[in-house]
Amino acid sequence: METIICSKCGKEIEIEVLQGDYSTFVCESCQEEINRPAYINELEELSLIEDKTESQLKRIEFLNSKIG
């Protein structure tokens, strides 16, 4: 097992085998926080569509779960 460290929060993550350069690694929690503004913008764009497809409705549900 190898340990990599999140470049944002310093959280240590255990991985099987170290392959490549992890100097800019960002953990899942930090990545979700980085993505939050994009999720909000996409949700606002989708909310403007009147007749939403089933796919768009599922995407809205996904975005709402991510924004929390």
PDB file of N, CA and C in Angstrom:
ATOM      1  N   MET A   1       0.838  -1.178   0.000  1.00  0.00           N
ATOM      2  CA  MET A   1       0.000   0.000   0.000  1.00  0.00           C
ATOM      3  C   MET A   1       0.887   1.247   0.000  1.00  0.00           C
ATOM      4  N   GLU A   2       0.408   2.237  -0.710  1.00  0.00           N
ATOM      5  CA  GLU A   2       1.105   3.518  -0.791  1.00  0.00           C
ATOM      6  C   GLU A   2       0.173   4.612  -0.278  1.00  0.00           C
ATOM      7  N   THR A   3       0.722   5.707   0.162  1.00  0.00           N
ATOM      8  CA  THR A   3      -0.059   6.825   0.665  1.00  0.00           C
ATOM      9  C   THR A   3       0.145   8.030  -0.246  1.00  0.00           C
ATOM     10  N   ILE A   4      -0.981   8.651  -0.653  1.00  0.00           N
ATOM     11  CA  ILE A   4      -0.916   9.910  -1.389  1.00  0.00           C
ATOM     12  C   ILE A   4      -1.648  10.952  -0.556  1.00  0.00           C
ATOM     13  N   ILE A   5      -1.319  12.202  -0.753  1.00  0.00           N
ATOM     14  CA  ILE A   5      -1.858  13.278   0.081  1.00  0.00           C
ATOM     15  C   ILE A   5      -2.582  14.294  -0.793  1.00  0.00           C
ATOM     16  N   CYS A   6      -3.791  14.668  -0.375  1.00  0.00           N
ATOM     17  CA  CYS A   6      -4.580  15.676  -1.089  1.00  0.00           C
ATOM     18  C   CYS A   6      -3.847  17.015  -1.041  1.00  0.00           C
ATOM     19  N   SER A   7      -3.707  17.634  -2.192  1.00  0.00           N
ATOM     20  CA  SER A   7      -2.993  18.910  -2.253  1.00  0.00           C
ATOM     21  C   SER A   7      -3.827  20.070  -1.720  1.00  0.00           C
ATOM     22  N   LYS A   8      -5.126  19.850  -1.507  1.00  0.00           N
ATOM     23  CA  LYS A   8      -5.996  20.907  -0.973  1.00  0.00           C
ATOM     24  C   LYS A   8      -6.102  20.851   0.547  1.00  0.00           C
ATOM     25  N   CYS A   9      -6.469  19.655   1.080  1.00  0.00           N
ATOM     26  CA  CYS A   9      -6.749  19.560   2.514  1.00  0.00           C
ATOM     27  C   CYS A   9      -5.711  18.776   3.308  1.00  0.00           C
ATOM     28  N   GLY A  10      -4.809  18.063   2.621  1.00  0.00           N
ATOM     29  CA  GLY A  10      -3.775  17.303   3.304  1.00  0.00           C
ATOM     30  C   GLY A  10      -4.203  15.918   3.754  1.00  0.00           C
ATOM     31  N   LYS A  11      -5.417  15.487   3.390  1.00  0.00           N
ATOM     32  CA  LYS A  11      -5.911  14.168   3.770  1.00  0.00           C
ATOM     33  C   LYS A  11      -5.073  13.093   3.099  1.00  0.00           C
ATOM     34  N   GLU A  12      -4.716  12.054   3.868  1.00  0.00           N
ATOM     35  CA  GLU A  12      -3.927  10.952   3.338  1.00  0.00           C
ATOM     36  C   GLU A  12      -4.861   9.852   2.840  1.00  0.00           C
ATOM     37  N   ILE A  13      -4.571   9.338   1.639  1.00  0.00           N
ATOM     38  CA  ILE A  13      -5.373   8.293   1.014  1.00  0.00           C
ATOM     39  C   ILE A  13      -4.464   7.113   0.720  1.00  0.00           C
ATOM     40  N   GLU A  14      -4.885   5.916   1.083  1.00  0.00           N
ATOM     41  CA  GLU A  14      -4.129   4.698   0.804  1.00  0.00           C
ATOM     42  C   GLU A  14      -4.547   4.155  -0.556  1.00  0.00           C
ATOM     43  N   ILE A  15      -3.563   3.834  -1.400  1.00  0.00           N
ATOM     44  CA  ILE A  15      -3.832   3.215  -2.695  1.00  0.00           C
ATOM     45  C   ILE A  15      -2.984   1.960  -2.827  1.00  0.00           C
ATOM     46  N   GLU A  16      -3.375   1.085  -3.753  1.00  0.00           N
ATOM     47  CA  GLU A  16      -2.662  -0.177  -3.953  1.00  0.00           C
ATOM     48  C   GLU A  16      -1.219   0.049  -4.411  1.00  0.00           C
ATOM     49  N   VAL A  17      -1.060   0.665  -5.559  1.00  0.00           N
ATOM     50  CA  VAL A  17       0.271   0.851  -6.138  1.00  0.00           C
ATOM     51  C   VAL A  17       0.397   2.284  -6.628  1.00  0.00           C
ATOM     52  N   LEU A  18       1.464   2.916  -6.285  1.00  0.00           N
ATOM     53  CA  LEU A  18       1.723   4.282  -6.712  1.00  0.00           C
ATOM     54  C   LEU A  18       2.194   4.272  -8.162  1.00  0.00           C
ATOM     55  N   GLN A  19       1.394   4.878  -9.041  1.00  0.00           N
ATOM     56  CA  GLN A  19       1.747   4.950 -10.458  1.00  0.00           C
ATOM     57  C   GLN A  19       1.560   6.387 -10.909  1.00  0.00           C
ATOM     58  N   GLY A  20       2.583   6.999 -11.381  1.00  0.00           N
ATOM     59  CA  GLY A  20       2.471   8.357 -11.883  1.00  0.00           C
ATOM     60  C   GLY A  20       2.778   9.417 -10.846  1.00  0.00           C
ATOM     61  N   ASP A  21       2.448  10.646 -11.210  1.00  0.00           N
ATOM     62  CA  ASP A  21       2.718  11.822 -10.376  1.00  0.00           C
ATOM     63  C   ASP A  21       1.456  12.227  -9.631  1.00  0.00           C
ATOM     64  N   TYR A  22       1.470  12.162  -8.328  1.00  0.00           N
ATOM     65  CA  TYR A  22       0.318  12.519  -7.503  1.00  0.00           C
ATOM     66  C   TYR A  22       0.521  13.857  -6.790  1.00  0.00           C
ATOM     67  N   SER A  23       1.421  14.688  -7.281  1.00  0.00           N
ATOM     68  CA  SER A  23       1.729  15.948  -6.609  1.00  0.00           C
ATOM     69  C   SER A  23       0.547  16.922  -6.637  1.00  0.00           C
ATOM     70  N   THR A  24      -0.374  16.758  -7.567  1.00  0.00           N
ATOM     71  CA  THR A  24      -1.544  17.637  -7.637  1.00  0.00           C
ATOM     72  C   THR A  24      -2.830  16.880  -7.307  1.00  0.00           C
ATOM     73  N   PHE A  25      -2.719  15.735  -6.633  1.00  0.00           N
ATOM     74  CA  PHE A  25      -3.875  14.914  -6.281  1.00  0.00           C
ATOM     75  C   PHE A  25      -4.848  15.702  -5.410  1.00  0.00           C
ATOM     76  N   VAL A  26      -6.149  15.573  -5.717  1.00  0.00           N
ATOM     77  CA  VAL A  26      -7.214  16.196  -4.925  1.00  0.00           C
ATOM     78  C   VAL A  26      -8.188  15.090  -4.537  1.00  0.00           C
ATOM     79  N   CYS A  27      -8.491  14.970  -3.244  1.00  0.00           N
ATOM     80  CA  CYS A  27      -9.386  13.921  -2.771  1.00  0.00           C
ATOM     81  C   CYS A  27     -10.815  14.168  -3.267  1.00  0.00           C
ATOM     82  N   GLU A  28     -11.647  13.163  -3.134  1.00  0.00           N
ATOM     83  CA  GLU A  28     -13.024  13.236  -3.633  1.00  0.00           C
ATOM     84  C   GLU A  28     -13.808  14.377  -2.970  1.00  0.00           C
ATOM     85  N   SER A  29     -13.656  14.563  -1.689  1.00  0.00           N
ATOM     86  CA  SER A  29     -14.378  15.633  -0.981  1.00  0.00           C
ATOM     87  C   SER A  29     -14.004  17.010  -1.516  1.00  0.00           C
ATOM     88  N   CYS A  30     -12.726  17.239  -1.687  1.00  0.00           N
ATOM     89  CA  CYS A  30     -12.266  18.532  -2.205  1.00  0.00           C
ATOM     90  C   CYS A  30     -12.704  18.718  -3.657  1.00  0.00           C
ATOM     91  N   GLN A  31     -12.672  17.641  -4.452  1.00  0.00           N
ATOM     92  CA  GLN A  31     -13.084  17.733  -5.847  1.00  0.00           C
ATOM     93  C   GLN A  31     -14.564  18.078  -5.951  1.00  0.00           C
ATOM     94  N   GLU A  32     -15.391  17.514  -5.087  1.00  0.00           N
ATOM     95  CA  GLU A  32     -16.817  17.834  -5.092  1.00  0.00           C
ATOM     96  C   GLU A  32     -17.037  19.309  -4.748  1.00  0.00           C
ATOM     97  N   GLU A  33     -16.255  19.828  -3.835  1.00  0.00           N
ATOM     98  CA  GLU A  33     -16.367  21.248  -3.476  1.00  0.00           C
ATOM     99  C   GLU A  33     -15.932  22.128  -4.645  1.00  0.00           C
ATOM    100  N   ILE A  34     -14.918  21.704  -5.378  1.00  0.00           N
ATOM    101  CA  ILE A  34     -14.462  22.435  -6.557  1.00  0.00           C
ATOM    102  C   ILE A  34     -15.547  22.425  -7.638  1.00  0.00           C
ATOM    103  N   ASN A  35     -16.242  21.293  -7.778  1.00  0.00           N
ATOM    104  CA  ASN A  35     -17.275  21.136  -8.813  1.00  0.00           C
ATOM    105  C   ASN A  35     -18.597  21.831  -8.477  1.00  0.00           C
ATOM    106  N   ARG A  36     -18.809  22.182  -7.235  1.00  0.00           N
ATOM    107  CA  ARG A  36     -20.089  22.735  -6.768  1.00  0.00           C
ATOM    108  C   ARG A  36     -20.596  23.925  -7.606  1.00  0.00           C
ATOM    109  N   PRO A  37     -19.785  24.937  -7.914  1.00  0.00           N
ATOM    110  CA  PRO A  37     -20.286  26.050  -8.729  1.00  0.00           C
ATOM    111  C   PRO A  37     -20.759  25.597 -10.120  1.00  0.00           C
ATOM    112  N   ALA A  38     -20.067  24.640 -10.711  1.00  0.00           N
ATOM    113  CA  ALA A  38     -20.481  24.124 -12.023  1.00  0.00           C
ATOM    114  C   ALA A  38     -21.802  23.381 -11.907  1.00  0.00           C
ATOM    115  N   TYR A  39     -21.984  22.615 -10.828  1.00  0.00           N
ATOM    116  CA  TYR A  39     -23.250  21.916 -10.608  1.00  0.00           C
ATOM    117  C   TYR A  39     -24.392  22.925 -10.484  1.00  0.00           C
ATOM    118  N   ILE A  40     -24.175  23.989  -9.745  1.00  0.00           N
ATOM    119  CA  ILE A  40     -25.204  25.010  -9.541  1.00  0.00           C
ATOM    120  C   ILE A  40     -25.551  25.687 -10.864  1.00  0.00           C
ATOM    121  N   ASN A  41     -24.545  26.036 -11.656  1.00  0.00           N
ATOM    122  CA  ASN A  41     -24.793  26.672 -12.954  1.00  0.00           C
ATOM    123  C   ASN A  41     -25.579  25.757 -13.885  1.00  0.00           C
ATOM    124  N   GLU A  42     -25.197  24.494 -13.932  1.00  0.00           N
ATOM    125  CA  GLU A  42     -25.902  23.546 -14.807  1.00  0.00           C
ATOM    126  C   GLU A  42     -27.348  23.375 -14.351  1.00  0.00           C
ATOM    127  N   LEU A  43     -27.575  23.315 -13.054  1.00  0.00           N
ATOM    128  CA  LEU A  43     -28.924  23.181 -12.522  1.00  0.00           C
ATOM    129  C   LEU A  43     -29.776  24.393 -12.896  1.00  0.00           C
ATOM    130  N   GLU A  44     -29.195  25.576 -12.817  1.00  0.00           N
ATOM    131  CA  GLU A  44     -29.917  26.789 -13.208  1.00  0.00           C
ATOM    132  C   GLU A  44     -30.276  26.758 -14.691  1.00  0.00           C
ATOM    133  N   GLU A  45     -29.355  26.302 -15.536  1.00  0.00           N
ATOM    134  CA  GLU A  45     -29.626  26.200 -16.976  1.00  0.00           C
ATOM    135  C   GLU A  45     -30.743  25.200 -17.256  1.00  0.00           C
ATOM    136  N   LEU A  46     -30.683  24.051 -16.584  1.00  0.00           N
ATOM    137  CA  LEU A  46     -31.709  23.028 -16.794  1.00  0.00           C
ATOM    138  C   LEU A  46     -33.078  23.482 -16.299  1.00  0.00           C
ATOM    139  N   SER A  47     -33.102  24.310 -15.271  1.00  0.00           N
ATOM    140  CA  SER A  47     -34.377  24.771 -14.728  1.00  0.00           C
ATOM    141  C   SER A  47     -35.100  25.703 -15.701  1.00  0.00           C
ATOM    142  N   LEU A  48     -34.395  26.279 -16.654  1.00  0.00           N
ATOM    143  CA  LEU A  48     -35.007  27.173 -17.631  1.00  0.00           C
ATOM    144  C   LEU A  48     -35.730  26.416 -18.748  1.00  0.00           C
ATOM    145  N   ILE A  49     -35.448  25.133 -18.892  1.00  0.00           N
ATOM    146  CA  ILE A  49     -36.072  24.321 -19.932  1.00  0.00           C
ATOM    147  C   ILE A  49     -37.469  23.931 -19.468  1.00  0.00           C
ATOM    148  N   GLU A  50     -38.484  24.210 -20.297  1.00  0.00           N
ATOM    149  CA  GLU A  50     -39.861  23.919 -19.888  1.00  0.00           C
ATOM    150  C   GLU A  50     -40.212  22.443 -19.999  1.00  0.00           C
ATOM    151  N   ASP A  51     -40.045  21.855 -21.169  1.00  0.00           N
ATOM    152  CA  ASP A  51     -40.381  20.444 -21.368  1.00  0.00           C
ATOM    153  C   ASP A  51     -39.112  19.608 -21.269  1.00  0.00           C
ATOM    154  N   LYS A  52     -38.822  19.171 -20.049  1.00  0.00           N
ATOM    155  CA  LYS A  52     -37.584  18.435 -19.799  1.00  0.00           C
ATOM    156  C   LYS A  52     -37.731  16.968 -20.204  1.00  0.00           C
ATOM    157  N   THR A  53     -36.661  16.421 -20.772  1.00  0.00           N
ATOM    158  CA  THR A  53     -36.640  15.003 -21.104  1.00  0.00           C
ATOM    159  C   THR A  53     -36.391  14.201 -19.830  1.00  0.00           C
ATOM    160  N   GLU A  54     -36.587  12.909 -19.923  1.00  0.00           N
ATOM    161  CA  GLU A  54     -36.343  12.041 -18.771  1.00  0.00           C
ATOM    162  C   GLU A  54     -34.872  12.117 -18.349  1.00  0.00           C
ATOM    163  N   SER A  55     -33.990  12.203 -19.333  1.00  0.00           N
ATOM    164  CA  SER A  55     -32.563  12.318 -19.058  1.00  0.00           C
ATOM    165  C   SER A  55     -32.256  13.613 -18.295  1.00  0.00           C
ATOM    166  N   GLN A  56     -32.871  14.697 -18.703  1.00  0.00           N
ATOM    167  CA  GLN A  56     -32.660  15.979 -18.025  1.00  0.00           C
ATOM    168  C   GLN A  56     -33.205  15.934 -16.596  1.00  0.00           C
ATOM    169  N   LEU A  57     -34.337  15.274 -16.400  1.00  0.00           N
ATOM    170  CA  LEU A  57     -34.906  15.148 -15.059  1.00  0.00           C
ATOM    171  C   LEU A  57     -33.985  14.328 -14.158  1.00  0.00           C
ATOM    172  N   LYS A  58     -33.380  13.276 -14.710  1.00  0.00           N
ATOM    173  CA  LYS A  58     -32.430  12.472 -13.930  1.00  0.00           C
ATOM    174  C   LYS A  58     -31.184  13.280 -13.605  1.00  0.00           C
ATOM    175  N   ARG A  59     -30.744  14.095 -14.555  1.00  0.00           N
ATOM    176  CA  ARG A  59     -29.565  14.946 -14.315  1.00  0.00           C
ATOM    177  C   ARG A  59     -29.866  15.961 -13.218  1.00  0.00           C
ATOM    178  N   ILE A  60     -31.058  16.531 -13.227  1.00  0.00           N
ATOM    179  CA  ILE A  60     -31.465  17.475 -12.180  1.00  0.00           C
ATOM    180  C   ILE A  60     -31.447  16.794 -10.824  1.00  0.00           C
ATOM    181  N   GLU A  61     -31.962  15.576 -10.762  1.00  0.00           N
ATOM    182  CA  GLU A  61     -31.968  14.812  -9.509  1.00  0.00           C
ATOM    183  C   GLU A  61     -30.529  14.577  -9.038  1.00  0.00           C
ATOM    184  N   PHE A  62     -29.644  14.216  -9.956  1.00  0.00           N
ATOM    185  CA  PHE A  62     -28.233  13.996  -9.625  1.00  0.00           C
ATOM    186  C   PHE A  62     -27.592  15.285  -9.103  1.00  0.00           C
ATOM    187  N   LEU A  63     -27.821  16.390  -9.807  1.00  0.00           N
ATOM    188  CA  LEU A  63     -27.225  17.672  -9.405  1.00  0.00           C
ATOM    189  C   LEU A  63     -27.730  18.098  -8.034  1.00  0.00           C
ATOM    190  N   ASN A  64     -29.012  17.910  -7.776  1.00  0.00           N
ATOM    191  CA  ASN A  64     -29.558  18.258  -6.463  1.00  0.00           C
ATOM    192  C   ASN A  64     -28.900  17.430  -5.362  1.00  0.00           C
ATOM    193  N   SER A  65     -28.629  16.159  -5.639  1.00  0.00           N
ATOM    194  CA  SER A  65     -27.981  15.313  -4.628  1.00  0.00           C
ATOM    195  C   SER A  65     -26.538  15.763  -4.389  1.00  0.00           C
ATOM    196  N   LYS A  66     -25.870  16.243  -5.425  1.00  0.00           N
ATOM    197  CA  LYS A  66     -24.494  16.709  -5.288  1.00  0.00           C
ATOM    198  C   LYS A  66     -24.423  18.046  -4.549  1.00  0.00           C
ATOM    199  N   ILE A  67     -25.394  18.912  -4.806  1.00  0.00           N
ATOM    200  CA  ILE A  67     -25.406  20.220  -4.166  1.00  0.00           C
ATOM    201  C   ILE A  67     -25.817  20.089  -2.700  1.00  0.00           C
ATOM    202  N   GLY A  68     -26.742  19.181  -2.464  1.00  0.00           N
ATOM    203  CA  GLY A  68     -27.172  18.844  -1.110  1.00  0.00           C
ATOM    204  C   GLY A  68     -27.774  19.970  -0.398  1.00  0.00           C
TER     205      GLY A  68
END
